[in-house]
PDB file of N, CA and C in Angstrom:
ATOM      1  N   MET A   1      14.395   1.310   4.261  1.00  0.00           N
ATOM      2  CA  MET A   1      13.121   0.865   3.727  1.00  0.00           C
ATOM      3  C   MET A   1      12.013   1.885   3.948  1.00  0.00           C
ATOM      4  N   ALA A   2      12.171   2.726   4.937  1.00  0.00           N
ATOM      5  CA  ALA A   2      11.146   3.733   5.198  1.00  0.00           C
ATOM      6  C   ALA A   2      11.031   4.673   3.998  1.00  0.00           C
ATOM      7  N   PHE A   3      12.137   4.916   3.328  1.00  0.00           N
ATOM      8  CA  PHE A   3      12.115   5.786   2.159  1.00  0.00           C
ATOM      9  C   PHE A   3      11.234   5.202   1.055  1.00  0.00           C
ATOM     10  N   ILE A   4      11.351   3.908   0.818  1.00  0.00           N
ATOM     11  CA  ILE A   4      10.533   3.251  -0.203  1.00  0.00           C
ATOM     12  C   ILE A   4       9.061   3.264   0.202  1.00  0.00           C
ATOM     13  N   ALA A   5       8.793   3.062   1.489  1.00  0.00           N
ATOM     14  CA  ALA A   5       7.412   3.076   1.979  1.00  0.00           C
ATOM     15  C   ALA A   5       6.786   4.454   1.817  1.00  0.00           C
ATOM     16  N   ILE A   6       7.545   5.490   2.102  1.00  0.00           N
ATOM     17  CA  ILE A   6       7.016   6.853   1.971  1.00  0.00           C
ATOM     18  C   ILE A   6       6.793   7.204   0.506  1.00  0.00           C
ATOM     19  N   LEU A   7       7.723   6.843  -0.364  1.00  0.00           N
ATOM     20  CA  LEU A   7       7.537   7.090  -1.798  1.00  0.00           C
ATOM     21  C   LEU A   7       6.321   6.340  -2.332  1.00  0.00           C
ATOM     22  N   SER A   8       6.122   5.123  -1.846  1.00  0.00           N
ATOM     23  CA  SER A   8       4.956   4.347  -2.265  1.00  0.00           C
ATOM     24  C   SER A   8       3.661   4.998  -1.785  1.00  0.00           C
ATOM     25  N   ALA A   9       3.658   5.515  -0.574  1.00  0.00           N
ATOM     26  CA  ALA A   9       2.470   6.192  -0.051  1.00  0.00           C
ATOM     27  C   ALA A   9       2.145   7.442  -0.870  1.00  0.00           C
ATOM     28  N   ILE A  10       3.157   8.189  -1.253  1.00  0.00           N
ATOM     29  CA  ILE A  10       2.941   9.368  -2.095  1.00  0.00           C
ATOM     30  C   ILE A  10       2.394   8.954  -3.454  1.00  0.00           C
ATOM     31  N   ALA A  11       2.934   7.887  -4.013  1.00  0.00           N
ATOM     32  CA  ALA A  11       2.440   7.382  -5.300  1.00  0.00           C
ATOM     33  C   ALA A  11       0.985   6.933  -5.185  1.00  0.00           C
ATOM     34  N   VAL A  12       0.613   6.343  -4.056  1.00  0.00           N
ATOM     35  CA  VAL A  12      -0.771   5.918  -3.837  1.00  0.00           C
ATOM     36  C   VAL A  12      -1.698   7.124  -3.793  1.00  0.00           C
ATOM     37  N   VAL A  13      -1.288   8.176  -3.118  1.00  0.00           N
ATOM     38  CA  VAL A  13      -2.107   9.392  -3.046  1.00  0.00           C
ATOM     39  C   VAL A  13      -2.350   9.949  -4.443  1.00  0.00           C
ATOM     40  N   VAL A  14      -1.298  10.059  -5.224  1.00  0.00           N
ATOM     41  CA  VAL A  14      -1.429  10.601  -6.583  1.00  0.00           C
ATOM     42  C   VAL A  14      -2.280   9.678  -7.447  1.00  0.00           C
ATOM     43  N   TRP A  15      -2.057   8.381  -7.357  1.00  0.00           N
ATOM     44  CA  TRP A  15      -2.787   7.392  -8.161  1.00  0.00           C
ATOM     45  C   TRP A  15      -4.277   7.429  -7.849  1.00  0.00           C
ATOM     46  N   PHE A  16      -4.624   7.452  -6.575  1.00  0.00           N
ATOM     47  CA  PHE A  16      -6.033   7.488  -6.184  1.00  0.00           C
ATOM     48  C   PHE A  16      -6.676   8.822  -6.561  1.00  0.00           C
ATOM     49  N   TYR A  17      -5.941   9.919  -6.409  1.00  0.00           N
ATOM     50  CA  TYR A  17      -6.484  11.229  -6.770  1.00  0.00           C
ATOM     51  C   TYR A  17      -6.800  11.282  -8.265  1.00  0.00           C
ATOM     52  N   LYS A  18      -5.858  10.860  -9.088  1.00  0.00           N
ATOM     53  CA  LYS A  18      -6.076  10.877 -10.539  1.00  0.00           C
ATOM     54  C   LYS A  18      -7.195   9.925 -10.952  1.00  0.00           C
ATOM     55  N   SER A  19      -7.277   8.769 -10.301  1.00  0.00           N
ATOM     56  CA  SER A  19      -8.354   7.822 -10.609  1.00  0.00           C
ATOM     57  C   SER A  19      -9.711   8.402 -10.265  1.00  0.00           C
ATOM     58  N   ALA A  20      -9.804   9.081  -9.132  1.00  0.00           N
ATOM     59  CA  ALA A  20     -11.074   9.672  -8.708  1.00  0.00           C
ATOM     60  C   ALA A  20     -11.500  10.787  -9.656  1.00  0.00           C
ATOM     61  N   ILE A  21     -10.586  11.613 -10.036  1.00  0.00           N
ATOM     62  CA  ILE A  21     -10.907  12.715 -10.953  1.00  0.00           C
ATOM     63  C   ILE A  21     -11.360  12.160 -12.295  1.00  0.00           C
ATOM     64  N   THR A  22     -10.736  11.089 -12.748  1.00  0.00           N
ATOM     65  CA  THR A  22     -11.086  10.476 -14.029  1.00  0.00           C
ATOM     66  C   THR A  22     -12.533   9.995 -14.056  1.00  0.00           C
ATOM     67  N   VAL A  23     -13.019   9.457 -12.935  1.00  0.00           N
ATOM     68  CA  VAL A  23     -14.385   8.938 -12.894  1.00  0.00           C
ATOM     69  C   VAL A  23     -15.373   9.934 -12.284  1.00  0.00           C
ATOM     70  N   GLY A  24     -14.934  11.170 -12.042  1.00  0.00           N
ATOM     71  CA  GLY A  24     -15.830  12.209 -11.559  1.00  0.00           C
ATOM     72  C   GLY A  24     -16.142  12.156 -10.067  1.00  0.00           C
ATOM     73  N   GLN A  25     -15.217  11.639  -9.277  1.00  0.00           N
ATOM     74  CA  GLN A  25     -15.411  11.545  -7.829  1.00  0.00           C
ATOM     75  C   GLN A  25     -14.487  12.517  -7.108  1.00  0.00           C
ATOM     76  N   ASN A  26     -14.638  12.592  -5.793  1.00  0.00           N
ATOM     77  CA  ASN A  26     -13.823  13.470  -4.963  1.00  0.00           C
ATOM     78  C   ASN A  26     -12.428  12.863  -4.789  1.00  0.00           C
ATOM     79  N   GLY A  27     -11.427  13.533  -5.330  1.00  0.00           N
ATOM     80  CA  GLY A  27     -10.058  13.023  -5.294  1.00  0.00           C
ATOM     81  C   GLY A  27      -9.448  12.995  -3.908  1.00  0.00           C
ATOM     82  N   VAL A  28      -9.819  13.957  -3.064  1.00  0.00           N
ATOM     83  CA  VAL A  28      -9.251  14.006  -1.720  1.00  0.00           C
ATOM     84  C   VAL A  28      -9.754  12.826  -0.891  1.00  0.00           C
ATOM     85  N   LYS A  29     -11.037  12.520  -1.005  1.00  0.00           N
ATOM     86  CA  LYS A  29     -11.581  11.377  -0.260  1.00  0.00           C
ATOM     87  C   LYS A  29     -10.942  10.074  -0.720  1.00  0.00           C
ATOM     88  N   TRP A  30     -10.818   9.894  -2.009  1.00  0.00           N
ATOM     89  CA  TRP A  30     -10.205   8.676  -2.536  1.00  0.00           C
ATOM     90  C   TRP A  30      -8.747   8.572  -2.102  1.00  0.00           C
ATOM     91  N   SER A  31      -8.034   9.690  -2.143  1.00  0.00           N
ATOM     92  CA  SER A  31      -6.634   9.681  -1.715  1.00  0.00           C
ATOM     93  C   SER A  31      -6.510   9.290  -0.248  1.00  0.00           C
ATOM     94  N   ALA A  32      -7.409   9.819   0.573  1.00  0.00           N
ATOM     95  CA  ALA A  32      -7.384   9.478   2.002  1.00  0.00           C
ATOM     96  C   ALA A  32      -7.655   7.992   2.203  1.00  0.00           C
ATOM     97  N   VAL A  33      -8.634   7.462   1.492  1.00  0.00           N
ATOM     98  CA  VAL A  33      -8.936   6.030   1.590  1.00  0.00           C
ATOM     99  C   VAL A  33      -7.724   5.209   1.159  1.00  0.00           C
ATOM    100  N   GLY A  34      -7.094   5.605   0.083  1.00  0.00           N
ATOM    101  CA  GLY A  34      -5.940   4.862  -0.424  1.00  0.00           C
ATOM    102  C   GLY A  34      -4.764   4.872   0.532  1.00  0.00           C
ATOM    103  N   VAL A  35      -4.419   6.031   1.042  1.00  0.00           N
ATOM    104  CA  VAL A  35      -3.235   6.114   1.904  1.00  0.00           C
ATOM    105  C   VAL A  35      -3.495   5.465   3.264  1.00  0.00           C
ATOM    106  N   VAL A  36      -4.700   5.575   3.788  1.00  0.00           N
ATOM    107  CA  VAL A  36      -5.013   4.912   5.055  1.00  0.00           C
ATOM    108  C   VAL A  36      -4.983   3.392   4.868  1.00  0.00           C
ATOM    109  N   GLY A  37      -5.548   2.910   3.779  1.00  0.00           N
ATOM    110  CA  GLY A  37      -5.498   1.476   3.494  1.00  0.00           C
ATOM    111  C   GLY A  37      -4.078   0.977   3.339  1.00  0.00           C
ATOM    112  N   TYR A  38      -3.251   1.762   2.674  1.00  0.00           N
ATOM    113  CA  TYR A  38      -1.848   1.396   2.488  1.00  0.00           C
ATOM    114  C   TYR A  38      -1.135   1.271   3.827  1.00  0.00           C
ATOM    115  N   TRP A  39      -1.270   2.298   4.662  1.00  0.00           N
ATOM    116  CA  TRP A  39      -0.541   2.288   5.932  1.00  0.00           C
ATOM    117  C   TRP A  39      -1.069   1.232   6.897  1.00  0.00           C
ATOM    118  N   ILE A  40      -2.363   0.957   6.899  1.00  0.00           N
ATOM    119  CA  ILE A  40      -2.882  -0.111   7.762  1.00  0.00           C
ATOM    120  C   ILE A  40      -2.291  -1.453   7.352  1.00  0.00           C
ATOM    121  N   ALA A  41      -2.328  -1.743   6.063  1.00  0.00           N
ATOM    122  CA  ALA A  41      -1.750  -3.008   5.592  1.00  0.00           C
ATOM    123  C   ALA A  41      -0.252  -3.055   5.862  1.00  0.00           C
ATOM    124  N   TRP A  42       0.436  -1.933   5.651  1.00  0.00           N
ATOM    125  CA  TRP A  42       1.877  -1.867   5.874  1.00  0.00           C
ATOM    126  C   TRP A  42       2.209  -2.206   7.317  1.00  0.00           C
ATOM    127  N   TRP A  43       1.516  -1.572   8.253  1.00  0.00           N
ATOM    128  CA  TRP A  43       1.795  -1.799   9.672  1.00  0.00           C
ATOM    129  C   TRP A  43       1.429  -3.209  10.118  1.00  0.00           C
ATOM    130  N   ILE A  44       0.323  -3.738   9.624  1.00  0.00           N
ATOM    131  CA  ILE A  44      -0.060  -5.104  10.010  1.00  0.00           C
ATOM    132  C   ILE A  44       1.027  -6.095   9.603  1.00  0.00           C
ATOM    133  N   VAL A  45       1.504  -5.985   8.372  1.00  0.00           N
ATOM    134  CA  VAL A  45       2.548  -6.908   7.906  1.00  0.00           C
ATOM    135  C   VAL A  45       3.865  -6.642   8.626  1.00  0.00           C
ATOM    136  N   LYS A  46       4.178  -5.398   8.858  1.00  0.00           N
ATOM    137  CA  LYS A  46       5.415  -5.041   9.564  1.00  0.00           C
ATOM    138  C   LYS A  46       5.436  -5.632  10.968  1.00  0.00           C
ATOM    139  N   LEU A  47       4.311  -5.544  11.679  1.00  0.00           N
ATOM    140  CA  LEU A  47       4.270  -6.004  13.063  1.00  0.00           C
ATOM    141  C   LEU A  47       4.086  -7.509  13.201  1.00  0.00           C
ATOM    142  N   THR A  48       3.611  -8.172  12.162  1.00  0.00           N
ATOM    143  CA  THR A  48       3.382  -9.613  12.269  1.00  0.00           C
ATOM    144  C   THR A  48       4.422 -10.401  11.478  1.00  0.00           C
ATOM    145  N   VAL A  49       4.381 -10.288  10.184  1.00  0.00           N
ATOM    146  CA  VAL A  49       5.231 -11.116   9.321  1.00  0.00           C
ATOM    147  C   VAL A  49       6.701 -10.752   9.466  1.00  0.00           C
ATOM    148  N   VAL A  50       7.012  -9.479   9.380  1.00  0.00           N
ATOM    149  CA  VAL A  50       8.424  -9.068   9.435  1.00  0.00           C
ATOM    150  C   VAL A  50       9.007  -9.363  10.811  1.00  0.00           C
ATOM    151  N   SER A  51       8.224  -9.149  11.848  1.00  0.00           N
ATOM    152  CA  SER A  51       8.714  -9.469  13.192  1.00  0.00           C
ATOM    153  C   SER A  51       9.011 -10.952  13.332  1.00  0.00           C
ATOM    154  N   ALA A  52       8.199 -11.782  12.717  1.00  0.00           N
ATOM    155  CA  ALA A  52       8.416 -13.228  12.793  1.00  0.00           C
ATOM    156  C   ALA A  52       9.607 -13.681  11.955  1.00  0.00           C
ATOM    157  N   LEU A  53       9.919 -12.947  10.898  1.00  0.00           N
ATOM    158  CA  LEU A  53      10.989 -13.356   9.981  1.00  0.00           C
ATOM    159  C   LEU A  53      12.300 -12.612  10.199  1.00  0.00           C
ATOM    160  N   THR A  54      12.441 -11.897  11.274  1.00  0.00           N
ATOM    161  CA  THR A  54      13.665 -11.123  11.476  1.00  0.00           C
ATOM    162  C   THR A  54      14.905 -12.005  11.601  1.00  0.00           C
ATOM    163  N   GLY A  55      14.744 -13.243  11.982  1.00  0.00           N
ATOM    164  CA  GLY A  55      15.887 -14.149  12.060  1.00  0.00           C
ATOM    165  C   GLY A  55      16.486 -14.465  10.704  1.00  0.00           C
ATOM    166  N   LEU A  56      15.688 -14.373   9.664  1.00  0.00           N
ATOM    167  CA  LEU A  56      16.196 -14.643   8.318  1.00  0.00           C
ATOM    168  C   LEU A  56      17.101 -13.532   7.801  1.00  0.00           C
ATOM    169  N   THR A  57      16.931 -12.331   8.323  1.00  0.00           N
ATOM    170  CA  THR A  57      17.728 -11.222   7.808  1.00  0.00           C
ATOM    171  C   THR A  57      19.208 -11.395   8.110  1.00  0.00           C
ATOM    172  N   ALA A  58      19.528 -12.128   9.154  1.00  0.00           N
ATOM    173  CA  ALA A  58      20.938 -12.361   9.489  1.00  0.00           C
ATOM    174  C   ALA A  58      21.580 -13.370   8.544  1.00  0.00           C
ATOM    175  N   LYS A  59      20.784 -14.145   7.842  1.00  0.00           N
ATOM    176  CA  LYS A  59      21.333 -15.183   6.970  1.00  0.00           C
ATOM    177  C   LYS A  59      21.816 -14.648   5.629  1.00  0.00           C
ATOM    178  N   GLY A  60      21.338 -13.513   5.222  1.00  0.00           N
ATOM    179  CA  GLY A  60      21.786 -12.968   3.952  1.00  0.00           C
ATOM    180  C   GLY A  60      21.175 -11.612   3.674  1.00  0.00           C
ATOM    181  N   ALA A  61      21.929 -10.807   2.975  1.00  0.00           N
ATOM    182  CA  ALA A  61      21.461  -9.456   2.686  1.00  0.00           C
ATOM    183  C   ALA A  61      20.257  -9.466   1.751  1.00  0.00           C
ATOM    184  N   PHE A  62      20.256 -10.351   0.773  1.00  0.00           N
ATOM    185  CA  PHE A  62      19.155 -10.388  -0.184  1.00  0.00           C
ATOM    186  C   PHE A  62      17.856 -10.806   0.488  1.00  0.00           C
ATOM    187  N   ILE A  63      17.929 -11.835   1.325  1.00  0.00           N
ATOM    188  CA  ILE A  63      16.727 -12.291   2.040  1.00  0.00           C
ATOM    189  C   ILE A  63      16.240 -11.193   2.975  1.00  0.00           C
ATOM    190  N   GLY A  64      17.147 -10.527   3.625  1.00  0.00           N
ATOM    191  CA  GLY A  64      16.780  -9.411   4.506  1.00  0.00           C
ATOM    192  C   GLY A  64      16.101  -8.297   3.745  1.00  0.00           C
ATOM    193  N   PHE A  65      16.602  -7.996   2.558  1.00  0.00           N
ATOM    194  CA  PHE A  65      15.995  -6.958   1.720  1.00  0.00           C
ATOM    195  C   PHE A  65      14.574  -7.342   1.324  1.00  0.00           C
ATOM    196  N   ILE A  66      14.376  -8.590   0.939  1.00  0.00           N
ATOM    197  CA  ILE A  66      13.044  -9.070   0.552  1.00  0.00           C
ATOM    198  C   ILE A  66      12.089  -9.005   1.738  1.00  0.00           C
ATOM    199  N   VAL A  67      12.546  -9.425   2.899  1.00  0.00           N
ATOM    200  CA  VAL A  67      11.698  -9.398   4.098  1.00  0.00           C
ATOM    201  C   VAL A  67      11.302  -7.970   4.433  1.00  0.00           C
ATOM    202  N   LEU A  68      12.209  -7.034   4.279  1.00  0.00           N
ATOM    203  CA  LEU A  68      11.899  -5.639   4.589  1.00  0.00           C
ATOM    204  C   LEU A  68      10.986  -4.994   3.546  1.00  0.00           C
ATOM    205  N   LEU A  69      10.927  -5.566   2.356  1.00  0.00           N
ATOM    206  CA  LEU A  69      10.015  -5.054   1.326  1.00  0.00           C
ATOM    207  C   LEU A  69       8.599  -5.609   1.443  1.00  0.00           C
ATOM    208  N   LEU A  70       8.414  -6.661   2.216  1.00  0.00           N
ATOM    209  CA  LEU A  70       7.097  -7.294   2.330  1.00  0.00           C
ATOM    210  C   LEU A  70       5.981  -6.336   2.765  1.00  0.00           C
ATOM    211  N   PRO A  71       6.188  -5.453   3.750  1.00  0.00           N
ATOM    212  CA  PRO A  71       5.103  -4.534   4.111  1.00  0.00           C
ATOM    213  C   PRO A  71       4.698  -3.617   2.962  1.00  0.00           C
ATOM    214  N   THR A  72       5.670  -3.140   2.209  1.00  0.00           N
ATOM    215  CA  THR A  72       5.361  -2.270   1.075  1.00  0.00           C
ATOM    216  C   THR A  72       4.587  -3.027   0.016  1.00  0.00           C
ATOM    217  N   LEU A  73       4.998  -4.241  -0.271  1.00  0.00           N
ATOM    218  CA  LEU A  73       4.278  -5.056  -1.252  1.00  0.00           C
ATOM    219  C   LEU A  73       2.855  -5.359  -0.789  1.00  0.00           C
ATOM    220  N   ALA A  74       2.693  -5.634   0.484  1.00  0.00           N
ATOM    221  CA  ALA A  74       1.354  -5.896   1.026  1.00  0.00           C
ATOM    222  C   ALA A  74       0.486  -4.649   0.946  1.00  0.00           C
ATOM    223  N   GLY A  75       1.063  -3.500   1.257  1.00  0.00           N
ATOM    224  CA  GLY A  75       0.316  -2.250   1.170  1.00  0.00           C
ATOM    225  C   GLY A  75      -0.116  -1.926  -0.248  1.00  0.00           C
ATOM    226  N   LEU A  76       0.779  -2.129  -1.195  1.00  0.00           N
ATOM    227  CA  LEU A  76       0.445  -1.859  -2.592  1.00  0.00           C
ATOM    228  C   LEU A  76      -0.592  -2.843  -3.126  1.00  0.00           C
ATOM    229  N   THR A  77      -0.499  -4.080  -2.703  1.00  0.00           N
ATOM    230  CA  THR A  77      -1.510  -5.068  -3.103  1.00  0.00           C
ATOM    231  C   THR A  77      -2.870  -4.690  -2.534  1.00  0.00           C
ATOM    232  N   THR A  78      -2.882  -4.252  -1.298  1.00  0.00           N
ATOM    233  CA  THR A  78      -4.136  -3.842  -0.660  1.00  0.00           C
ATOM    234  C   THR A  78      -4.768  -2.665  -1.387  1.00  0.00           C
ATOM    235  N   VAL A  79      -3.974  -1.643  -1.701  1.00  0.00           N
ATOM    236  CA  VAL A  79      -4.573  -0.476  -2.353  1.00  0.00           C
ATOM    237  C   VAL A  79      -4.995  -0.783  -3.782  1.00  0.00           C
ATOM    238  N   PHE A  80      -4.323  -1.724  -4.424  1.00  0.00           N
ATOM    239  CA  PHE A  80      -4.769  -2.138  -5.747  1.00  0.00           C
ATOM    240  C   PHE A  80      -6.186  -2.704  -5.661  1.00  0.00           C
ATOM    241  N   LEU A  81      -6.415  -3.560  -4.666  1.00  0.00           N
ATOM    242  CA  LEU A  81      -7.741  -4.158  -4.492  1.00  0.00           C
ATOM    243  C   LEU A  81      -8.778  -3.129  -4.036  1.00  0.00           C
ATOM    244  N   VAL A  82      -8.377  -2.203  -3.180  1.00  0.00           N
ATOM    245  CA  VAL A  82      -9.295  -1.147  -2.728  1.00  0.00           C
ATOM    246  C   VAL A  82      -9.693  -0.253  -3.900  1.00  0.00           C
ATOM    247  N   ARG A  83      -8.726   0.131  -4.727  1.00  0.00           N
ATOM    248  CA  ARG A  83      -9.026   0.970  -5.891  1.00  0.00           C
ATOM    249  C   ARG A  83      -9.965   0.256  -6.853  1.00  0.00           C
ATOM    250  N   LYS A  84      -9.701  -1.033  -7.054  1.00  0.00           N
ATOM    251  CA  LYS A  84     -10.559  -1.824  -7.933  1.00  0.00           C
ATOM    252  C   LYS A  84     -11.992  -1.823  -7.403  1.00  0.00           C
ATOM    253  N   ARG A  85     -12.153  -1.977  -6.096  1.00  0.00           N
ATOM    254  CA  ARG A  85     -13.484  -1.983  -5.482  1.00  0.00           C
ATOM    255  C   ARG A  85     -14.152  -0.619  -5.613  1.00  0.00           C
ATOM    256  N   LEU A  86     -13.408   0.447  -5.418  1.00  0.00           N
ATOM    257  CA  LEU A  86     -13.973   1.789  -5.571  1.00  0.00           C
ATOM    258  C   LEU A  86     -14.444   2.040  -7.003  1.00  0.00           C
ATOM    259  N   LEU A  87     -13.676   1.592  -7.971  1.00  0.00           N
ATOM    260  CA  LEU A  87     -14.069   1.766  -9.357  1.00  0.00           C
ATOM    261  C   LEU A  87     -15.317   0.955  -9.699  1.00  0.00           C
ATOM    262  N   VAL A  88     -15.412  -0.248  -9.157  1.00  0.00           N
ATOM    263  CA  VAL A  88     -16.604  -1.077  -9.381  1.00  0.00           C
ATOM    264  C   VAL A  88     -17.838  -0.396  -8.766  1.00  0.00           C
ATOM    265  N   ASP A  89     -17.674   0.186  -7.585  1.00  0.00           N
ATOM    266  CA  ASP A  89     -18.787   0.884  -6.938  1.00  0.00           C
ATOM    267  C   ASP A  89     -19.272   2.074  -7.752  1.00  0.00           C
ATOM    268  N   VAL A  90     -18.330   2.787  -8.383  1.00  0.00           N
ATOM    269  CA  VAL A  90     -18.710   3.938  -9.204  1.00  0.00           C
ATOM    270  C   VAL A  90     -19.483   3.483 -10.444  1.00  0.00           C
ATOM    271  N   VAL A  91     -19.030   2.420 -11.065  1.00  0.00           N
ATOM    272  CA  VAL A  91     -19.687   1.910 -12.281  1.00  0.00           C
ATOM    273  C   VAL A  91     -21.077   1.392 -11.971  1.00  0.00           C
ATOM    274  N   ASN A  92     -21.255   0.770 -10.805  1.00  0.00           N
ATOM    275  CA  ASN A  92     -22.548   0.174 -10.451  1.00  0.00           C
ATOM    276  C   ASN A  92     -23.563   1.188  -9.919  1.00  0.00           C
ATOM    277  N   LYS A  93     -23.210   2.430  -9.792  1.00  0.00           N
ATOM    278  CA  LYS A  93     -24.167   3.440  -9.309  1.00  0.00           C
ATOM    279  C   LYS A  93     -25.188   3.771 -10.347  1.00  0.00           C
TER     280      LYS A  93
END
């Protein structure tokens, strides 16, 4: 699962950089905000939700796979909302 998390983090960096350049902002700053937001959300879910649900992983491979994907999904949801907020801030300037 670490491979999927790392690929997602790289995709977030590229996505935020391209979004920032499109609206005339600093791409490096936006990328840093995006990747930090992703990893904070990822770790919070990993240490809380996944730790609490580790007993389910023994019941089936599919459920275990879904539980291990939860941090990545939470991180991507977080950066989607962060990007949306950054874009709203740029428009309202």
